[in-house]
Amino acid sequence: MSKLINTIIEYVNSNGIETVSFDIFDTIIFRNVSCPSDIFEICHRLFSKNNHLPFNASEFSRIRSEAEKKARLNEMSSEIFLDDIYRFTPFSDSVSEELYRIE
């Protein structure tokens, strides 16, 4: 085991801590891009293979980012979901569903 893990175990044991929990999100494990917003360009490219969007990848990125901001402002909790975000895009239901699936 690494020195860090041993240090953590020692701290937990010496302070009477009985439970340690970790929240691991699937995006940490599965996102293969440097910056989370990089996925927007990939979504645009994959969608555009079979469909037409009347704007380029950077415009799509801006629209998608704005939709996320709006979704966060309209939700009562700090956690939002992808379908919450796509409700705030100007896309038709069918386009939103496909972009959601790709993302």
PDB file of N, CA and C in Angstrom:
ATOM      1  N   MET A   1       0.837  -1.194   0.000  1.00  0.00           N
ATOM      2  CA  MET A   1       0.000   0.000   0.000  1.00  0.00           C
ATOM      3  C   MET A   1       0.871   1.243   0.000  1.00  0.00           C
ATOM      4  N   SER A   2       0.319   2.281  -0.525  1.00  0.00           N
ATOM      5  CA  SER A   2       1.095   3.517  -0.579  1.00  0.00           C
ATOM      6  C   SER A   2       1.192   4.161   0.797  1.00  0.00           C
ATOM      7  N   LYS A   3       2.137   5.034   0.926  1.00  0.00           N
ATOM      8  CA  LYS A   3       2.341   5.754   2.186  1.00  0.00           C
ATOM      9  C   LYS A   3       1.101   6.567   2.553  1.00  0.00           C
ATOM     10  N   LEU A   4       0.462   7.186   1.565  1.00  0.00           N
ATOM     11  CA  LEU A   4      -0.735   7.988   1.812  1.00  0.00           C
ATOM     12  C   LEU A   4      -1.858   7.131   2.388  1.00  0.00           C
ATOM     13  N   ILE A   5      -2.090   5.968   1.777  1.00  0.00           N
ATOM     14  CA  ILE A   5      -3.147   5.087   2.276  1.00  0.00           C
ATOM     15  C   ILE A   5      -2.844   4.639   3.697  1.00  0.00           C
ATOM     16  N   ASN A   6      -1.607   4.285   3.962  1.00  0.00           N
ATOM     17  CA  ASN A   6      -1.216   3.890   5.322  1.00  0.00           C
ATOM     18  C   ASN A   6      -1.444   5.026   6.313  1.00  0.00           C
ATOM     19  N   THR A   7      -1.131   6.243   5.912  1.00  0.00           N
ATOM     20  CA  THR A   7      -1.337   7.410   6.777  1.00  0.00           C
ATOM     21  C   THR A   7      -2.820   7.593   7.072  1.00  0.00           C
ATOM     22  N   ILE A   8      -3.647   7.447   6.056  1.00  0.00           N
ATOM     23  CA  ILE A   8      -5.102   7.581   6.231  1.00  0.00           C
ATOM     24  C   ILE A   8      -5.619   6.502   7.171  1.00  0.00           C
ATOM     25  N   ILE A   9      -5.205   5.269   6.957  1.00  0.00           N
ATOM     26  CA  ILE A   9      -5.643   4.162   7.813  1.00  0.00           C
ATOM     27  C   ILE A   9      -5.221   4.403   9.257  1.00  0.00           C
ATOM     28  N   GLU A  10      -4.000   4.844   9.443  1.00  0.00           N
ATOM     29  CA  GLU A  10      -3.507   5.132  10.793  1.00  0.00           C
ATOM     30  C   GLU A  10      -4.333   6.229  11.454  1.00  0.00           C
ATOM     31  N   TYR A  11      -4.633   7.294  10.704  1.00  0.00           N
ATOM     32  CA  TYR A  11      -5.433   8.400  11.236  1.00  0.00           C
ATOM     33  C   TYR A  11      -6.825   7.916  11.632  1.00  0.00           C
ATOM     34  N   VAL A  12      -7.458   7.164  10.750  1.00  0.00           N
ATOM     35  CA  VAL A  12      -8.806   6.650  11.005  1.00  0.00           C
ATOM     36  C   VAL A  12      -8.800   5.768  12.253  1.00  0.00           C
ATOM     37  N   ASN A  13      -7.868   4.849  12.319  1.00  0.00           N
ATOM     38  CA  ASN A  13      -7.799   3.925  13.459  1.00  0.00           C
ATOM     39  C   ASN A  13      -7.505   4.640  14.777  1.00  0.00           C
ATOM     40  N   SER A  14      -6.624   5.624  14.750  1.00  0.00           N
ATOM     41  CA  SER A  14      -6.229   6.294  15.992  1.00  0.00           C
ATOM     42  C   SER A  14      -7.255   7.309  16.483  1.00  0.00           C
ATOM     43  N   ASN A  15      -8.232   7.659  15.654  1.00  0.00           N
ATOM     44  CA  ASN A  15      -9.239   8.645  16.047  1.00  0.00           C
ATOM     45  C   ASN A  15     -10.619   8.032  16.267  1.00  0.00           C
ATOM     46  N   GLY A  16     -10.672   6.721  16.313  1.00  0.00           N
ATOM     47  CA  GLY A  16     -11.942   6.052  16.607  1.00  0.00           C
ATOM     48  C   GLY A  16     -12.991   6.177  15.516  1.00  0.00           C
ATOM     49  N   ILE A  17     -12.571   6.470  14.325  1.00  0.00           N
ATOM     50  CA  ILE A  17     -13.510   6.596  13.202  1.00  0.00           C
ATOM     51  C   ILE A  17     -13.897   5.189  12.763  1.00  0.00           C
ATOM     52  N   GLU A  18     -15.196   4.944  12.695  1.00  0.00           N
ATOM     53  CA  GLU A  18     -15.674   3.605  12.348  1.00  0.00           C
ATOM     54  C   GLU A  18     -16.004   3.447  10.871  1.00  0.00           C
ATOM     55  N   THR A  19     -16.379   4.540  10.238  1.00  0.00           N
ATOM     56  CA  THR A  19     -16.801   4.446   8.837  1.00  0.00           C
ATOM     57  C   THR A  19     -16.179   5.575   8.029  1.00  0.00           C
ATOM     58  N   VAL A  20     -15.684   5.242   6.863  1.00  0.00           N
ATOM     59  CA  VAL A  20     -15.187   6.215   5.904  1.00  0.00           C
ATOM     60  C   VAL A  20     -15.899   5.907   4.588  1.00  0.00           C
ATOM     61  N   SER A  21     -16.537   6.912   4.008  1.00  0.00           N
ATOM     62  CA  SER A  21     -17.228   6.661   2.734  1.00  0.00           C
ATOM     63  C   SER A  21     -16.679   7.588   1.666  1.00  0.00           C
ATOM     64  N   PHE A  22     -16.765   7.134   0.437  1.00  0.00           N
ATOM     65  CA  PHE A  22     -16.290   7.896  -0.710  1.00  0.00           C
ATOM     66  C   PHE A  22     -17.389   7.975  -1.747  1.00  0.00           C
ATOM     67  N   ASP A  23     -17.555   9.131  -2.327  1.00  0.00           N
ATOM     68  CA  ASP A  23     -18.496   9.323  -3.423  1.00  0.00           C
ATOM     69  C   ASP A  23     -17.695   9.296  -4.712  1.00  0.00           C
ATOM     70  N   ILE A  24     -17.954   8.335  -5.554  1.00  0.00           N
ATOM     71  CA  ILE A  24     -17.235   8.243  -6.825  1.00  0.00           C
ATOM     72  C   ILE A  24     -18.253   8.394  -7.942  1.00  0.00           C
ATOM     73  N   PHE A  25     -18.038   9.388  -8.777  1.00  0.00           N
ATOM     74  CA  PHE A  25     -18.946   9.659  -9.878  1.00  0.00           C
ATOM     75  C   PHE A  25     -18.438   8.978 -11.138  1.00  0.00           C
ATOM     76  N   ASP A  26     -19.352   8.477 -11.947  1.00  0.00           N
ATOM     77  CA  ASP A  26     -18.954   7.777 -13.169  1.00  0.00           C
ATOM     78  C   ASP A  26     -18.176   8.669 -14.121  1.00  0.00           C
ATOM     79  N   THR A  27     -18.400   9.977 -14.088  1.00  0.00           N
ATOM     80  CA  THR A  27     -17.663  10.860 -14.995  1.00  0.00           C
ATOM     81  C   THR A  27     -16.179  10.910 -14.653  1.00  0.00           C
ATOM     82  N   ILE A  28     -15.847  10.703 -13.400  1.00  0.00           N
ATOM     83  CA  ILE A  28     -14.431  10.673 -13.016  1.00  0.00           C
ATOM     84  C   ILE A  28     -13.763   9.462 -13.650  1.00  0.00           C
ATOM     85  N   ILE A  29     -14.493   8.381 -13.731  1.00  0.00           N
ATOM     86  CA  ILE A  29     -13.938   7.133 -14.225  1.00  0.00           C
ATOM     87  C   ILE A  29     -13.984   7.050 -15.749  1.00  0.00           C
ATOM     88  N   PHE A  30     -15.045   7.536 -16.355  1.00  0.00           N
ATOM     89  CA  PHE A  30     -15.268   7.295 -17.769  1.00  0.00           C
ATOM     90  C   PHE A  30     -15.034   8.475 -18.703  1.00  0.00           C
ATOM     91  N   ARG A  31     -14.888   9.667 -18.219  1.00  0.00           N
ATOM     92  CA  ARG A  31     -14.719  10.816 -19.110  1.00  0.00           C
ATOM     93  C   ARG A  31     -13.283  10.841 -19.614  1.00  0.00           C
ATOM     94  N   ASN A  32     -13.126  10.741 -20.915  1.00  0.00           N
ATOM     95  CA  ASN A  32     -11.787  10.676 -21.523  1.00  0.00           C
ATOM     96  C   ASN A  32     -11.408  11.989 -22.198  1.00  0.00           C
ATOM     97  N   VAL A  33     -11.723  13.094 -21.572  1.00  0.00           N
ATOM     98  CA  VAL A  33     -11.357  14.414 -22.094  1.00  0.00           C
ATOM     99  C   VAL A  33     -10.675  15.195 -20.984  1.00  0.00           C
ATOM    100  N   SER A  34      -9.857  16.143 -21.367  1.00  0.00           N
ATOM    101  CA  SER A  34      -9.121  16.936 -20.377  1.00  0.00           C
ATOM    102  C   SER A  34     -10.039  17.842 -19.575  1.00  0.00           C
ATOM    103  N   CYS A  35     -10.934  18.498 -20.265  1.00  0.00           N
ATOM    104  CA  CYS A  35     -11.860  19.442 -19.644  1.00  0.00           C
ATOM    105  C   CYS A  35     -13.279  18.943 -19.907  1.00  0.00           C
ATOM    106  N   PRO A  36     -14.157  18.939 -18.909  1.00  0.00           N
ATOM    107  CA  PRO A  36     -15.513  18.423 -19.131  1.00  0.00           C
ATOM    108  C   PRO A  36     -16.228  19.032 -20.337  1.00  0.00           C
ATOM    109  N   SER A  37     -16.005  20.309 -20.599  1.00  0.00           N
ATOM    110  CA  SER A  37     -16.699  20.942 -21.731  1.00  0.00           C
ATOM    111  C   SER A  37     -16.153  20.487 -23.088  1.00  0.00           C
ATOM    112  N   ASP A  38     -15.006  19.807 -23.113  1.00  0.00           N
ATOM    113  CA  ASP A  38     -14.484  19.267 -24.377  1.00  0.00           C
ATOM    114  C   ASP A  38     -15.447  18.261 -24.997  1.00  0.00           C
ATOM    115  N   ILE A  39     -16.280  17.671 -24.169  1.00  0.00           N
ATOM    116  CA  ILE A  39     -17.230  16.675 -24.662  1.00  0.00           C
ATOM    117  C   ILE A  39     -18.245  17.305 -25.620  1.00  0.00           C
ATOM    118  N   PHE A  40     -18.480  18.605 -25.498  1.00  0.00           N
ATOM    119  CA  PHE A  40     -19.468  19.270 -26.356  1.00  0.00           C
ATOM    120  C   PHE A  40     -19.046  19.234 -27.824  1.00  0.00           C
ATOM    121  N   GLU A  41     -17.776  19.434 -28.090  1.00  0.00           N
ATOM    122  CA  GLU A  41     -17.283  19.370 -29.468  1.00  0.00           C
ATOM    123  C   GLU A  41     -17.454  17.956 -30.023  1.00  0.00           C
ATOM    124  N   ILE A  42     -17.176  16.970 -29.203  1.00  0.00           N
ATOM    125  CA  ILE A  42     -17.334  15.579 -29.632  1.00  0.00           C
ATOM    126  C   ILE A  42     -18.810  15.283 -29.910  1.00  0.00           C
ATOM    127  N   CYS A  43     -19.687  15.743 -29.045  1.00  0.00           N
ATOM    128  CA  CYS A  43     -21.133  15.553 -29.252  1.00  0.00           C
ATOM    129  C   CYS A  43     -21.573  16.183 -30.565  1.00  0.00           C
ATOM    130  N   HIS A  44     -21.121  17.395 -30.801  1.00  0.00           N
ATOM    131  CA  HIS A  44     -21.488  18.090 -32.035  1.00  0.00           C
ATOM    132  C   HIS A  44     -21.009  17.303 -33.245  1.00  0.00           C
ATOM    133  N   ARG A  45     -19.766  16.849 -33.207  1.00  0.00           N
ATOM    134  CA  ARG A  45     -19.203  16.089 -34.335  1.00  0.00           C
ATOM    135  C   ARG A  45     -19.972  14.793 -34.570  1.00  0.00           C
ATOM    136  N   LEU A  46     -20.262  14.045 -33.509  1.00  0.00           N
ATOM    137  CA  LEU A  46     -20.984  12.779 -33.664  1.00  0.00           C
ATOM    138  C   LEU A  46     -22.412  12.998 -34.154  1.00  0.00           C
ATOM    139  N   PHE A  47     -23.074  14.010 -33.623  1.00  0.00           N
ATOM    140  CA  PHE A  47     -24.434  14.317 -34.059  1.00  0.00           C
ATOM    141  C   PHE A  47     -24.438  14.740 -35.520  1.00  0.00           C
ATOM    142  N   SER A  48     -23.457  15.549 -35.908  1.00  0.00           N
ATOM    143  CA  SER A  48     -23.405  16.099 -37.265  1.00  0.00           C
ATOM    144  C   SER A  48     -23.090  15.062 -38.343  1.00  0.00           C
ATOM    145  N   LYS A  49     -22.625  13.887 -37.946  1.00  0.00           N
ATOM    146  CA  LYS A  49     -22.372  12.835 -38.937  1.00  0.00           C
ATOM    147  C   LYS A  49     -23.641  12.436 -39.664  1.00  0.00           C
ATOM    148  N   ASN A  50     -24.765  12.396 -38.947  1.00  0.00           N
ATOM    149  CA  ASN A  50     -26.032  11.941 -39.531  1.00  0.00           C
ATOM    150  C   ASN A  50     -27.117  13.000 -39.522  1.00  0.00           C
ATOM    151  N   ASN A  51     -26.841  14.151 -38.935  1.00  0.00           N
ATOM    152  CA  ASN A  51     -27.852  15.193 -38.784  1.00  0.00           C
ATOM    153  C   ASN A  51     -27.233  16.550 -39.065  1.00  0.00           C
ATOM    154  N   HIS A  52     -28.094  17.538 -39.142  1.00  0.00           N
ATOM    155  CA  HIS A  52     -27.611  18.901 -39.385  1.00  0.00           C
ATOM    156  C   HIS A  52     -27.983  19.789 -38.206  1.00  0.00           C
ATOM    157  N   LEU A  53     -27.007  20.495 -37.702  1.00  0.00           N
ATOM    158  CA  LEU A  53     -27.268  21.548 -36.724  1.00  0.00           C
ATOM    159  C   LEU A  53     -26.900  22.867 -37.391  1.00  0.00           C
ATOM    160  N   PRO A  54     -27.722  23.891 -37.219  1.00  0.00           N
ATOM    161  CA  PRO A  54     -27.466  25.167 -37.896  1.00  0.00           C
ATOM    162  C   PRO A  54     -26.400  26.025 -37.227  1.00  0.00           C
ATOM    163  N   PHE A  55     -25.462  25.407 -36.530  1.00  0.00           N
ATOM    164  CA  PHE A  55     -24.391  26.142 -35.890  1.00  0.00           C
ATOM    165  C   PHE A  55     -23.182  25.236 -35.733  1.00  0.00           C
ATOM    166  N   ASN A  56     -22.017  25.860 -35.543  1.00  0.00           N
ATOM    167  CA  ASN A  56     -20.773  25.090 -35.439  1.00  0.00           C
ATOM    168  C   ASN A  56     -20.553  24.577 -34.014  1.00  0.00           C
ATOM    169  N   ALA A  57     -19.454  23.856 -33.821  1.00  0.00           N
ATOM    170  CA  ALA A  57     -19.169  23.221 -32.539  1.00  0.00           C
ATOM    171  C   ALA A  57     -18.997  24.230 -31.400  1.00  0.00           C
ATOM    172  N   SER A  58     -18.361  25.356 -31.679  1.00  0.00           N
ATOM    173  CA  SER A  58     -18.173  26.329 -30.594  1.00  0.00           C
ATOM    174  C   SER A  58     -19.503  26.976 -30.205  1.00  0.00           C
ATOM    175  N   GLU A  59     -20.385  27.190 -31.172  1.00  0.00           N
ATOM    176  CA  GLU A  59     -21.720  27.725 -30.848  1.00  0.00           C
ATOM    177  C   GLU A  59     -22.527  26.698 -30.059  1.00  0.00           C
ATOM    178  N   PHE A  60     -22.404  25.419 -30.438  1.00  0.00           N
ATOM    179  CA  PHE A  60     -23.084  24.370 -29.691  1.00  0.00           C
ATOM    180  C   PHE A  60     -22.570  24.341 -28.250  1.00  0.00           C
ATOM    181  N   SER A  61     -21.274  24.463 -28.075  1.00  0.00           N
ATOM    182  CA  SER A  61     -20.673  24.465 -26.744  1.00  0.00           C
ATOM    183  C   SER A  61     -21.236  25.613 -25.907  1.00  0.00           C
ATOM    184  N   ARG A  62     -21.360  26.775 -26.515  1.00  0.00           N
ATOM    185  CA  ARG A  62     -21.912  27.941 -25.807  1.00  0.00           C
ATOM    186  C   ARG A  62     -23.368  27.695 -25.418  1.00  0.00           C
ATOM    187  N   ILE A  63     -24.167  27.177 -26.359  1.00  0.00           N
ATOM    188  CA  ILE A  63     -25.584  26.896 -26.094  1.00  0.00           C
ATOM    189  C   ILE A  63     -25.719  25.867 -24.969  1.00  0.00           C
ATOM    190  N   ARG A  64     -24.917  24.823 -25.040  1.00  0.00           N
ATOM    191  CA  ARG A  64     -24.982  23.741 -24.043  1.00  0.00           C
ATOM    192  C   ARG A  64     -24.561  24.256 -22.663  1.00  0.00           C
ATOM    193  N   SER A  65     -23.521  25.102 -22.612  1.00  0.00           N
ATOM    194  CA  SER A  65     -23.066  25.682 -21.343  1.00  0.00           C
ATOM    195  C   SER A  65     -24.120  26.607 -20.741  1.00  0.00           C
ATOM    196  N   GLU A  66     -24.736  27.409 -21.585  1.00  0.00           N
ATOM    197  CA  GLU A  66     -25.804  28.308 -21.117  1.00  0.00           C
ATOM    198  C   GLU A  66     -26.984  27.516 -20.576  1.00  0.00           C
ATOM    199  N   ALA A  67     -27.325  26.422 -21.243  1.00  0.00           N
ATOM    200  CA  ALA A  67     -28.434  25.584 -20.781  1.00  0.00           C
ATOM    201  C   ALA A  67     -28.125  25.004 -19.408  1.00  0.00           C
ATOM    202  N   GLU A  68     -26.881  24.617 -19.190  1.00  0.00           N
ATOM    203  CA  GLU A  68     -26.506  24.086 -17.876  1.00  0.00           C
ATOM    204  C   GLU A  68     -26.621  25.158 -16.797  1.00  0.00           C
ATOM    205  N   LYS A  69     -26.201  26.373 -17.112  1.00  0.00           N
ATOM    206  CA  LYS A  69     -26.323  27.479 -16.153  1.00  0.00           C
ATOM    207  C   LYS A  69     -27.790  27.714 -15.796  1.00  0.00           C
ATOM    208  N   LYS A  70     -28.657  27.730 -16.814  1.00  0.00           N
ATOM    209  CA  LYS A  70     -30.090  27.938 -16.580  1.00  0.00           C
ATOM    210  C   LYS A  70     -30.675  26.812 -15.740  1.00  0.00           C
ATOM    211  N   ALA A  71     -30.284  25.587 -16.035  1.00  0.00           N
ATOM    212  CA  ALA A  71     -30.786  24.435 -15.274  1.00  0.00           C
ATOM    213  C   ALA A  71     -30.368  24.549 -13.809  1.00  0.00           C
ATOM    214  N   ARG A  72     -29.130  24.948 -13.576  1.00  0.00           N
ATOM    215  CA  ARG A  72     -28.645  25.082 -12.191  1.00  0.00           C
ATOM    216  C   ARG A  72     -29.399  26.190 -11.442  1.00  0.00           C
ATOM    217  N   LEU A  73     -29.712  27.263 -12.122  1.00  0.00           N
ATOM    218  CA  LEU A  73     -30.455  28.354 -11.491  1.00  0.00           C
ATOM    219  C   LEU A  73     -31.893  27.963 -11.177  1.00  0.00           C
ATOM    220  N   ASN A  74     -32.465  27.067 -11.967  1.00  0.00           N
ATOM    221  CA  ASN A  74     -33.870  26.693 -11.803  1.00  0.00           C
ATOM    222  C   ASN A  74     -34.093  25.492 -10.893  1.00  0.00           C
ATOM    223  N   GLU A  75     -33.055  24.801 -10.524  1.00  0.00           N
ATOM    224  CA  GLU A  75     -33.202  23.637  -9.648  1.00  0.00           C
ATOM    225  C   GLU A  75     -33.049  24.068  -8.197  1.00  0.00           C
ATOM    226  N   MET A  76     -33.780  23.420  -7.319  1.00  0.00           N
ATOM    227  CA  MET A  76     -33.714  23.738  -5.895  1.00  0.00           C
ATOM    228  C   MET A  76     -32.487  23.105  -5.235  1.00  0.00           C
ATOM    229  N   SER A  77     -31.965  22.032  -5.813  1.00  0.00           N
ATOM    230  CA  SER A  77     -30.777  21.400  -5.246  1.00  0.00           C
ATOM    231  C   SER A  77     -29.573  21.735  -6.113  1.00  0.00           C
ATOM    232  N   SER A  78     -28.386  21.439  -5.615  1.00  0.00           N
ATOM    233  CA  SER A  78     -27.168  21.735  -6.366  1.00  0.00           C
ATOM    234  C   SER A  78     -26.903  20.672  -7.432  1.00  0.00           C
ATOM    235  N   GLU A  79     -27.583  19.537  -7.327  1.00  0.00           N
ATOM    236  CA  GLU A  79     -27.355  18.470  -8.299  1.00  0.00           C
ATOM    237  C   GLU A  79     -28.385  18.537  -9.412  1.00  0.00           C
ATOM    238  N   ILE A  80     -27.887  18.551 -10.626  1.00  0.00           N
ATOM    239  CA  ILE A  80     -28.774  18.523 -11.788  1.00  0.00           C
ATOM    240  C   ILE A  80     -28.389  17.331 -12.648  1.00  0.00           C
ATOM    241  N   PHE A  81     -29.276  16.967 -13.536  1.00  0.00           N
ATOM    242  CA  PHE A  81     -29.057  15.820 -14.401  1.00  0.00           C
ATOM    243  C   PHE A  81     -29.062  16.282 -15.852  1.00  0.00           C
ATOM    244  N   LEU A  82     -28.554  15.436 -16.711  1.00  0.00           N
ATOM    245  CA  LEU A  82     -28.436  15.782 -18.124  1.00  0.00           C
ATOM    246  C   LEU A  82     -29.790  16.149 -18.735  1.00  0.00           C
ATOM    247  N   ASP A  83     -30.839  15.413 -18.376  1.00  0.00           N
ATOM    248  CA  ASP A  83     -32.150  15.747 -18.936  1.00  0.00           C
ATOM    249  C   ASP A  83     -32.631  17.114 -18.458  1.00  0.00           C
ATOM    250  N   ASP A  84     -32.219  17.543 -17.245  1.00  0.00           N
ATOM    251  CA  ASP A  84     -32.540  18.897 -16.776  1.00  0.00           C
ATOM    252  C   ASP A  84     -31.891  19.934 -17.691  1.00  0.00           C
ATOM    253  N   ILE A  85     -30.654  19.683 -18.056  1.00  0.00           N
ATOM    254  CA  ILE A  85     -29.907  20.619 -18.907  1.00  0.00           C
ATOM    255  C   ILE A  85     -30.558  20.728 -20.275  1.00  0.00           C
ATOM    256  N   TYR A  86     -30.861  19.589 -20.886  1.00  0.00           N
ATOM    257  CA  TYR A  86     -31.405  19.628 -22.239  1.00  0.00           C
ATOM    258  C   TYR A  86     -32.804  20.230 -22.313  1.00  0.00           C
ATOM    259  N   ARG A  87     -33.505  20.339 -21.193  1.00  0.00           N
ATOM    260  CA  ARG A  87     -34.793  21.048 -21.172  1.00  0.00           C
ATOM    261  C   ARG A  87     -34.601  22.535 -21.433  1.00  0.00           C
ATOM    262  N   PHE A  88     -33.389  23.041 -21.217  1.00  0.00           N
ATOM    263  CA  PHE A  88     -33.118  24.468 -21.387  1.00  0.00           C
ATOM    264  C   PHE A  88     -32.375  24.787 -22.688  1.00  0.00           C
ATOM    265  N   THR A  89     -32.308  23.832 -23.589  1.00  0.00           N
ATOM    266  CA  THR A  89     -31.716  24.105 -24.902  1.00  0.00           C
ATOM    267  C   THR A  89     -32.823  24.483 -25.875  1.00  0.00           C
ATOM    268  N   PRO A  90     -32.488  25.165 -26.960  1.00  0.00           N
ATOM    269  CA  PRO A  90     -33.506  25.556 -27.940  1.00  0.00           C
ATOM    270  C   PRO A  90     -33.809  24.462 -28.966  1.00  0.00           C
ATOM    271  N   PHE A  91     -33.334  23.248 -28.735  1.00  0.00           N
ATOM    272  CA  PHE A  91     -33.470  22.165 -29.703  1.00  0.00           C
ATOM    273  C   PHE A  91     -34.850  21.515 -29.626  1.00  0.00           C
ATOM    274  N   SER A  92     -35.241  20.901 -30.720  1.00  0.00           N
ATOM    275  CA  SER A  92     -36.483  20.119 -30.716  1.00  0.00           C
ATOM    276  C   SER A  92     -36.292  18.914 -29.799  1.00  0.00           C
ATOM    277  N   ASP A  93     -37.387  18.276 -29.428  1.00  0.00           N
ATOM    278  CA  ASP A  93     -37.304  17.109 -28.546  1.00  0.00           C
ATOM    279  C   ASP A  93     -36.446  16.009 -29.157  1.00  0.00           C
ATOM    280  N   SER A  94     -36.601  15.772 -30.451  1.00  0.00           N
ATOM    281  CA  SER A  94     -35.847  14.685 -31.082  1.00  0.00           C
ATOM    282  C   SER A  94     -34.349  14.990 -31.116  1.00  0.00           C
ATOM    283  N   VAL A  95     -33.999  16.242 -31.381  1.00  0.00           N
ATOM    284  CA  VAL A  95     -32.584  16.640 -31.387  1.00  0.00           C
ATOM    285  C   VAL A  95     -32.024  16.550 -29.966  1.00  0.00           C
ATOM    286  N   SER A  96     -32.761  17.060 -28.998  1.00  0.00           N
ATOM    287  CA  SER A  96     -32.321  16.994 -27.602  1.00  0.00           C
ATOM    288  C   SER A  96     -32.107  15.555 -27.154  1.00  0.00           C
ATOM    289  N   GLU A  97     -33.029  14.674 -27.517  1.00  0.00           N
ATOM    290  CA  GLU A  97     -32.909  13.262 -27.135  1.00  0.00           C
ATOM    291  C   GLU A  97     -31.656  12.627 -27.731  1.00  0.00           C
ATOM    292  N   GLU A  98     -31.360  12.941 -28.980  1.00  0.00           N
ATOM    293  CA  GLU A  98     -30.177  12.365 -29.625  1.00  0.00           C
ATOM    294  C   GLU A  98     -28.887  12.925 -29.025  1.00  0.00           C
ATOM    295  N   LEU A  99     -28.841  14.220 -28.792  1.00  0.00           N
ATOM    296  CA  LEU A  99     -27.659  14.833 -28.173  1.00  0.00           C
ATOM    297  C   LEU A  99     -27.468  14.300 -26.751  1.00  0.00           C
ATOM    298  N   TYR A 100     -28.553  14.126 -26.026  1.00  0.00           N
ATOM    299  CA  TYR A 100     -28.508  13.540 -24.689  1.00  0.00           C
ATOM    300  C   TYR A 100     -27.909  12.143 -24.749  1.00  0.00           C
ATOM    301  N   ARG A 101     -28.360  11.344 -25.689  1.00  0.00           N
ATOM    302  CA  ARG A 101     -27.872   9.981 -25.846  1.00  0.00           C
ATOM    303  C   ARG A 101     -26.371   9.968 -26.165  1.00  0.00           C
ATOM    304  N   ILE A 102     -25.960  10.858 -27.040  1.00  0.00           N
ATOM    305  CA  ILE A 102     -24.537  10.937 -27.434  1.00  0.00           C
ATOM    306  C   ILE A 102     -23.687  11.374 -26.240  1.00  0.00           C
ATOM    307  N   GLU A 103     -24.168  12.409 -25.549  1.00  0.00           N
ATOM    308  CA  GLU A 103     -23.379  12.929 -24.432  1.00  0.00           C
ATOM    309  C   GLU A 103     -23.284  11.928 -23.308  1.00  0.00           C
TER     310      GLU A 103
END
